[in-house]
Amino acid sequence: MLINNSKKIIIKLGSSTVVDSRGKFKKKWVSSLIKDIKNHRFGKNFVIVSSGAIALGQKYLKIKKKKIKLEMSQAIAAVGQIHLAGEFQKLFDKYKIKSGQILISPDDTEQRKRALNIRNTFDNLFKLNAIPIVNENDTTATSEIKYGDNDRLAARVAQIIGADTLIILSDVDGLYNKSKKIVKTVNKIDEKIYSLVDKKRNNYGSGGISTKLDAAKICMNSGCHMFLANGKKEHPLSKMFKKKMFTHFIPKISSLDARKKWIISSLSSSGIIFIDKGAASALQNGKSLLAAGITRVKGTFDKGENVLIIDNKGNQLARGLSSFKSSEIDKIKGKQSKEIEKILGYLGKSEIIHKDDMVKL
């Protein structure tokens, strides 16, 4: 079963899966989902991307209107987000699982430096053995700068953190063909697949099948498996895999290959890092680049930017995404990893460029 081999799994919950028709949080259903997660959690990191803040805010504020102006929906989201995070925290605490909240705006995923910061936050939450609860930052989003739905947000998060699997739990069993049968696997999103889109939407959700196909496209191009399954019944993960009721969108390449293709496809480098013989040998053996092996830095670059790595003979060895600014690397070059915090005044990553963010040339 694919979920058993996945190390990072994202579960996306639509508004109608976590909030009922009366605007109340579905405690019993979410509790059953957490039990499912607990049963599959050994050796895995889970992320939940959940909608529902505006729906819960409307219930709390006793607002029944379906059409609300953007600036008012932002205020309602601010109220509802506290309730959403609080409800999740109470249930996770009940099962002795730590949780944390991350609110994301499109700028956070579309700008490379901010995307790297997001990934670091997720990595550190995983180290703390906590499950991140993610939602779009509706309180600051505008109609021009907005995901518009959490399907695409979940896919972008999957891409950034290198998730193996995204599970979208919706109000359908999967993607239906024209004979009303579930399409079990999809290898390519083309006009034939888009022709199966049902334009209907529910009271609370902002997406439909079309946004799920957009999410699938992002996943398939970034090496992440995506499942579309029913989230109406309790224990949705157990039921989905036991009954094999889902549509599986199969990626073209692995997540690591996709990431490295993205790195190598950069047309230029922001700077150059020169390394000694020992560091060059470590890189050739698939290791990350540490500060101790760096002899010189050329150029000015920021955290997350693409840099070249060159040995003491002038050979271009690799290209990668730096975890530090050029000015910081200049201060810590030749130093041991344990000295970094004392020199820079903060505890960052121990690797200057992690092996997963590097491509050998």
Protein backbone atom coordinates (compact mmCIF):
# COMPACT_ATOMS: atom_id res chain seq x y z
CA MET A 1 0.00 0.00 0.00
CA LEU A 2 1.44 3.37 -1.07
CA ILE A 3 0.70 5.14 2.22
CA ASN A 4 2.97 2.67 4.03
CA ASN A 5 5.92 3.74 1.85
CA SER A 6 5.22 7.48 2.09
CA LYS A 7 7.35 9.55 4.48
CA LYS A 8 5.47 12.85 4.13
CA ILE A 9 1.68 12.78 3.73
CA ILE A 10 -0.62 15.78 3.33
CA ILE A 11 -4.34 15.46 4.00
CA LYS A 12 -6.53 18.22 2.61
CA LEU A 13 -9.93 18.76 4.21
CA GLY A 14 -12.61 20.83 2.51
CA SER A 15 -15.03 23.02 4.47
CA SER A 16 -17.86 20.52 4.10
CA THR A 17 -15.73 17.73 5.59
CA VAL A 18 -14.94 19.62 8.81
CA VAL A 19 -18.03 21.86 9.15
CA ASP A 20 -21.60 20.56 9.02
CA SER A 21 -24.61 22.21 7.34
CA ARG A 22 -25.37 24.14 10.56
CA GLY A 23 -21.85 25.61 10.68
CA LYS A 24 -20.63 23.38 13.53
CA PHE A 25 -17.19 21.72 13.66
CA LYS A 26 -17.48 17.94 13.08
CA LYS A 27 -15.66 16.79 16.22
CA LYS A 28 -16.61 13.13 15.87
CA TRP A 29 -15.49 12.91 12.23
CA VAL A 30 -12.20 14.76 12.83
CA SER A 31 -11.57 12.55 15.86
CA SER A 32 -11.94 9.45 13.64
CA LEU A 33 -9.48 10.95 11.14
CA ILE A 34 -6.92 11.56 13.91
CA LYS A 35 -7.30 7.91 14.98
CA ASP A 36 -6.54 6.89 11.37
CA ILE A 37 -3.47 9.14 11.34
CA LYS A 38 -2.28 7.70 14.66
CA ASN A 39 -2.57 4.17 13.27
CA HIS A 40 -0.39 5.04 10.25
CA ARG A 41 1.94 7.56 11.87
CA PHE A 42 5.01 5.43 12.71
CA GLY A 43 7.98 6.75 10.69
CA LYS A 44 5.82 9.29 8.84
CA ASN A 45 5.17 13.02 8.95
CA PHE A 46 1.59 14.18 8.45
CA VAL A 47 0.30 17.63 7.47
CA ILE A 48 -3.35 18.70 7.52
CA VAL A 49 -4.51 21.46 5.18
CA SER A 50 -7.94 22.45 6.41
CA SER A 51 -10.57 24.89 5.22
CA GLY A 52 -13.46 25.94 7.46
CA ALA A 53 -12.37 29.22 9.12
CA ILE A 54 -14.95 31.39 7.36
CA ALA A 55 -17.75 28.86 7.93
CA LEU A 56 -16.95 28.63 11.66
CA GLY A 57 -16.62 32.42 11.86
CA GLN A 58 -20.05 32.87 10.28
CA LYS A 59 -21.58 30.47 12.81
CA TYR A 60 -19.94 32.20 15.78
CA LEU A 61 -20.91 35.68 14.54
CA LYS A 62 -24.41 34.50 13.51
CA ILE A 63 -23.97 35.62 9.89
CA LYS A 64 -26.08 33.60 7.46
CA LYS A 65 -25.41 35.45 4.20
CA LYS A 66 -23.73 33.36 1.49
CA LYS A 67 -22.35 36.33 -0.46
CA ILE A 68 -20.00 38.39 1.68
CA LYS A 69 -17.65 41.17 0.55
CA LEU A 70 -13.95 40.30 0.59
CA GLU A 71 -12.96 42.74 3.33
CA MET A 72 -15.73 41.39 5.59
CA SER A 73 -14.82 37.75 4.84
CA GLN A 74 -11.25 38.57 5.95
CA ALA A 75 -12.53 39.72 9.33
CA ILE A 76 -14.82 36.67 9.62
CA ALA A 77 -11.84 34.41 8.76
CA ALA A 78 -9.80 36.04 11.55
CA VAL A 79 -12.52 35.09 14.05
CA GLY A 80 -13.09 31.63 12.61
CA GLN A 81 -9.41 30.70 12.38
CA ILE A 82 -9.04 30.86 16.16
CA HIS A 83 -11.96 28.45 16.52
CA LEU A 84 -10.65 26.11 13.79
CA ALA A 85 -7.15 25.87 15.29
CA GLY A 86 -8.58 25.52 18.79
CA GLU A 87 -10.89 22.65 17.81
CA PHE A 88 -8.02 20.77 16.16
CA GLN A 89 -5.71 21.36 19.11
CA LYS A 90 -8.24 20.02 21.62
CA LEU A 91 -8.68 16.81 19.64
CA PHE A 92 -4.97 16.30 18.99
CA ASP A 93 -4.26 16.87 22.70
CA LYS A 94 -6.80 14.16 23.48
CA TYR A 95 -4.69 11.69 21.47
CA LYS A 96 -1.42 13.10 22.90
CA ILE A 97 -0.30 14.45 19.52
CA LYS A 98 1.35 17.88 19.24
CA SER A 99 0.07 20.28 16.59
CA GLY A 100 1.04 23.68 15.20
CA GLN A 101 -0.65 26.24 12.97
CA ILE A 102 0.76 27.63 9.71
CA LEU A 103 -1.10 30.30 7.72
CA ILE A 104 0.20 30.69 4.16
CA SER A 105 -0.23 33.39 1.50
CA PRO A 106 0.60 32.93 -2.20
CA ASP A 107 3.71 35.13 -1.78
CA ASP A 108 5.01 32.55 0.69
CA THR A 109 5.01 29.74 -1.87
CA GLU A 110 5.79 31.70 -5.04
CA GLN A 111 8.92 33.51 -3.77
CA ARG A 112 11.86 31.14 -3.49
CA LYS A 113 13.35 32.60 -0.28
CA ARG A 114 10.01 32.53 1.52
CA ALA A 115 9.28 29.03 0.20
CA LEU A 116 12.57 27.85 1.70
CA ASN A 117 11.62 29.45 5.03
CA ILE A 118 8.27 27.63 4.91
CA ARG A 119 10.01 24.32 4.28
CA ASN A 120 12.35 24.93 7.22
CA THR A 121 9.35 25.62 9.47
CA PHE A 122 7.71 22.35 8.42
CA ASP A 123 10.99 20.45 8.94
CA ASN A 124 11.34 21.86 12.45
CA LEU A 125 7.73 21.02 13.33
CA PHE A 126 8.42 17.45 12.17
CA LYS A 127 11.51 17.38 14.43
CA LEU A 128 9.24 18.43 17.30
CA ASN A 129 6.97 15.50 16.34
CA ALA A 130 4.11 17.95 15.71
CA ILE A 131 1.47 17.88 12.96
CA PRO A 132 1.16 21.22 11.11
CA ILE A 133 -2.41 22.47 10.53
CA VAL A 134 -2.32 24.66 7.41
CA ASN A 135 -4.81 27.15 5.96
CA GLU A 136 -4.64 30.06 3.56
CA ASN A 137 -4.06 33.37 5.32
CA ASP A 138 -7.51 34.69 4.39
CA THR A 139 -7.12 37.69 6.69
CA THR A 140 -4.55 39.34 4.40
CA ALA A 141 -5.33 37.75 1.02
CA THR A 142 -6.88 39.87 -1.72
CA SER A 143 -8.94 38.77 -4.71
CA GLU A 144 -5.88 39.33 -6.91
CA ILE A 145 -3.40 37.56 -4.60
CA LYS A 146 -5.24 34.48 -3.42
CA TYR A 147 -5.22 30.73 -4.00
CA GLY A 148 -8.99 30.81 -3.92
CA ASP A 149 -9.15 27.23 -2.65
CA ASN A 150 -7.09 24.93 -0.48
CA ASP A 151 -6.70 22.24 -3.16
CA ARG A 152 -4.03 24.25 -4.95
CA LEU A 153 -2.54 25.42 -1.65
CA ALA A 154 -2.17 21.79 -0.51
CA ALA A 155 -0.47 20.87 -3.80
CA ARG A 156 1.98 23.79 -3.55
CA VAL A 157 2.82 22.81 0.04
CA ALA A 158 3.34 19.22 -1.13
CA GLN A 159 5.72 20.48 -3.80
CA ILE A 160 7.71 22.70 -1.42
CA ILE A 161 8.18 20.16 1.38
CA GLY A 162 8.75 17.24 -1.00
CA ALA A 163 5.68 15.27 0.11
CA ASP A 164 5.19 11.78 -1.27
CA THR A 165 1.40 11.77 -1.07
CA LEU A 166 -1.46 14.28 -1.02
CA ILE A 167 -4.90 12.95 -0.05
CA ILE A 168 -7.82 15.26 -0.85
CA LEU A 169 -10.89 14.27 1.15
CA SER A 170 -14.00 15.66 -0.50
CA ASP A 171 -17.71 14.89 -0.81
CA VAL A 172 -17.18 12.47 -3.74
CA ASP A 173 -15.59 9.01 -3.98
CA GLY A 174 -13.26 10.16 -6.73
CA LEU A 175 -13.36 11.36 -10.32
CA TYR A 176 -16.31 9.84 -12.19
CA ASN A 177 -16.34 8.99 -15.88
CA LYS A 178 -19.36 9.55 -18.14
CA SER A 179 -20.74 6.15 -17.10
CA LYS A 180 -20.73 7.34 -13.47
CA LYS A 181 -17.95 4.92 -12.55
CA ILE A 182 -14.85 5.99 -10.62
CA VAL A 183 -11.72 6.54 -12.70
CA LYS A 184 -9.23 4.47 -10.68
CA THR A 185 -5.98 5.92 -12.04
CA VAL A 186 -5.00 9.02 -13.99
CA ASN A 187 -1.57 9.25 -15.64
CA LYS A 188 -2.17 12.42 -17.63
CA ILE A 189 -4.46 15.46 -17.20
CA ASP A 190 -5.77 16.24 -20.67
CA GLU A 191 -8.97 17.48 -22.32
CA LYS A 192 -10.56 14.06 -21.88
CA ILE A 193 -10.09 14.29 -18.08
CA TYR A 194 -11.25 17.94 -17.94
CA SER A 195 -14.42 16.97 -19.80
CA LEU A 196 -15.47 14.94 -16.72
CA VAL A 197 -15.59 18.04 -14.49
CA ASP A 198 -18.83 18.67 -12.62
CA LYS A 199 -19.38 22.39 -12.13
CA LYS A 200 -21.51 22.02 -8.97
CA ARG A 201 -20.31 23.47 -5.67
CA ASN A 202 -21.49 23.10 -2.09
CA ASN A 203 -22.55 25.89 0.31
CA TYR A 204 -19.16 26.41 1.95
CA GLY A 205 -16.49 25.12 -0.46
CA SER A 206 -14.71 27.47 -2.88
CA GLY A 207 -13.46 24.73 -5.17
CA GLY A 208 -14.84 21.88 -7.23
CA ILE A 209 -13.40 19.01 -9.26
CA SER A 210 -11.67 21.51 -11.54
CA THR A 211 -9.48 22.89 -8.70
CA LYS A 212 -8.67 19.33 -7.68
CA LEU A 213 -7.42 18.63 -11.20
CA ASP A 214 -5.29 21.78 -10.97
CA ALA A 215 -3.86 20.41 -7.72
CA ALA A 216 -3.28 17.01 -9.35
CA LYS A 217 -1.35 18.67 -12.17
CA ILE A 218 0.98 20.38 -9.67
CA CYS A 219 1.48 17.09 -7.80
CA MET A 220 2.11 15.00 -10.89
CA ASN A 221 4.74 17.45 -12.12
CA SER A 222 6.48 17.54 -8.74
CA GLY A 223 6.65 13.80 -8.09
CA CYS A 224 3.83 13.58 -5.54
CA HIS A 225 1.05 10.97 -5.66
CA MET A 226 -2.42 12.44 -5.23
CA PHE A 227 -5.59 10.66 -4.13
CA LEU A 228 -9.12 12.04 -4.39
CA ALA A 229 -11.46 10.24 -2.00
CA ASN A 230 -14.63 10.58 0.05
CA GLY A 231 -14.42 12.38 3.37
CA LYS A 232 -18.07 12.11 4.39
CA LYS A 233 -17.83 8.97 6.52
CA GLU A 234 -15.85 8.41 9.71
CA HIS A 235 -12.38 6.84 9.53
CA PRO A 236 -11.91 8.12 5.97
CA LEU A 237 -8.33 6.87 5.49
CA SER A 238 -9.13 3.33 6.65
CA LYS A 239 -12.25 3.17 4.47
CA MET A 240 -10.56 4.63 1.42
CA PHE A 241 -7.75 2.07 1.36
CA LYS A 242 -9.83 -0.89 2.57
CA LYS A 243 -12.52 -0.38 -0.07
CA LYS A 244 -10.09 0.99 -2.70
CA MET A 245 -12.52 3.84 -3.37
CA PHE A 246 -10.47 6.71 -4.80
CA THR A 247 -8.90 8.19 -7.91
CA HIS A 248 -5.13 7.92 -7.90
CA PHE A 249 -3.21 10.59 -9.85
CA ILE A 250 0.20 9.08 -10.62
CA PRO A 251 3.26 11.37 -10.84
CA LYS A 252 5.59 11.38 -13.83
CA ILE A 253 8.79 11.43 -11.74
CA SER A 254 9.89 11.18 -8.09
CA SER A 255 9.68 14.25 -5.84
CA LEU A 256 13.47 14.35 -5.48
CA ASP A 257 13.99 14.18 -9.25
CA ALA A 258 11.46 16.99 -9.73
CA ARG A 259 13.23 19.18 -7.18
CA LYS A 260 16.63 18.57 -8.72
CA LYS A 261 15.30 19.26 -12.22
CA TRP A 262 14.05 22.61 -10.94
CA ILE A 263 17.49 23.42 -9.43
CA ILE A 264 19.50 22.42 -12.50
CA SER A 265 17.16 24.29 -14.86
CA SER A 266 18.14 27.69 -13.38
CA LEU A 267 19.86 29.71 -16.09
CA SER A 268 22.22 31.59 -13.79
CA SER A 269 23.77 31.45 -10.35
CA SER A 270 23.66 34.20 -7.75
CA GLY A 271 27.15 33.43 -6.47
CA ILE A 272 29.95 30.92 -6.13
CA ILE A 273 31.13 28.85 -3.16
CA PHE A 274 34.70 27.53 -3.34
CA ILE A 275 35.49 24.36 -1.39
CA ASP A 276 38.55 22.35 -0.35
CA LYS A 277 39.58 18.84 -1.40
CA GLY A 278 37.87 17.13 1.57
CA ALA A 279 34.52 18.82 0.94
CA ALA A 280 34.78 18.02 -2.79
CA SER A 281 35.28 14.33 -1.96
CA ALA A 282 32.28 14.41 0.44
CA LEU A 283 30.07 15.95 -2.27
CA GLN A 284 31.07 13.27 -4.76
CA ASN A 285 29.97 10.68 -2.18
CA GLY A 286 26.51 12.24 -1.90
CA LYS A 287 27.04 14.28 1.29
CA SER A 288 25.76 17.77 2.10
CA LEU A 289 28.05 20.81 2.04
CA LEU A 290 29.21 21.92 5.49
CA ALA A 291 30.86 25.21 6.50
CA ALA A 292 34.14 23.50 7.43
CA GLY A 293 34.95 22.71 3.80
CA ILE A 294 34.33 26.20 2.40
CA THR A 295 37.40 28.31 1.56
CA ARG A 296 35.89 31.35 -0.18
CA VAL A 297 32.59 32.96 -1.25
CA LYS A 298 32.15 35.07 -4.38
CA GLY A 299 29.13 37.25 -5.14
CA THR A 300 26.21 38.47 -3.04
CA PHE A 301 23.24 36.17 -2.59
CA ASP A 302 20.40 35.56 -0.18
CA LYS A 303 19.13 32.47 1.60
CA GLY A 304 17.43 30.07 -0.85
CA GLU A 305 19.24 31.34 -3.94
CA ASN A 306 20.94 29.16 -6.54
CA VAL A 307 24.75 29.02 -6.25
CA LEU A 308 27.62 27.20 -7.95
CA ILE A 309 30.06 25.03 -6.00
CA ILE A 310 33.62 24.98 -7.33
CA ASP A 311 36.67 23.01 -6.11
CA ASN A 312 40.20 24.34 -5.55
CA LYS A 313 41.14 23.49 -9.15
CA GLY A 314 38.30 25.55 -10.63
CA ASN A 315 36.07 22.57 -11.54
CA GLN A 316 32.30 23.15 -11.31
CA LEU A 317 31.13 20.33 -9.04
CA ALA A 318 27.51 21.13 -8.23
CA ARG A 319 24.70 23.66 -8.14
CA GLY A 320 22.41 24.07 -5.13
CA LEU A 321 20.15 26.23 -2.97
CA SER A 322 21.99 27.95 -0.13
CA SER A 323 20.59 27.77 3.41
CA PHE A 324 22.49 30.93 4.36
CA LYS A 325 23.21 34.42 2.98
CA SER A 326 26.61 35.00 1.34
CA SER A 327 27.59 37.39 4.16
CA GLU A 328 26.79 34.69 6.75
CA ILE A 329 28.75 32.01 4.89
CA ASP A 330 31.74 34.39 4.74
CA LYS A 331 31.67 34.55 8.57
CA ILE A 332 31.37 30.80 9.15
CA LYS A 333 33.53 29.40 6.30
CA GLY A 334 36.10 26.89 7.57
CA LYS A 335 34.25 26.56 10.91
CA GLN A 336 32.68 23.50 12.52
CA SER A 337 28.87 23.23 12.49
CA LYS A 338 28.71 23.51 16.29
CA GLU A 339 30.31 26.98 16.08
CA ILE A 340 27.65 28.45 13.75
CA GLU A 341 25.18 29.52 16.44
CA LYS A 342 27.86 31.37 18.43
CA ILE A 343 29.16 33.23 15.35
CA LEU A 344 25.81 34.17 13.76
CA GLY A 345 23.78 34.53 16.94
CA TYR A 346 21.05 32.10 15.89
CA LEU A 347 20.66 28.37 15.39
CA GLY A 348 20.10 27.71 11.69
CA LYS A 349 20.74 24.61 9.64
CA SER A 350 24.00 22.72 10.09
CA GLU A 351 24.34 22.27 6.31
CA ILE A 352 25.23 25.21 4.05
CA ILE A 353 23.62 23.31 1.17
CA HIS A 354 21.66 20.15 1.93
CA LYS A 355 22.22 17.19 -0.39
CA ASP A 356 18.52 17.23 -1.37
CA ASP A 357 18.95 20.84 -2.53
CA MET A 358 22.00 20.05 -4.63
CA VAL A 359 22.65 18.66 -8.10
CA LYS A 360 26.09 17.38 -9.11
CA LEU A 361 27.29 18.69 -12.47
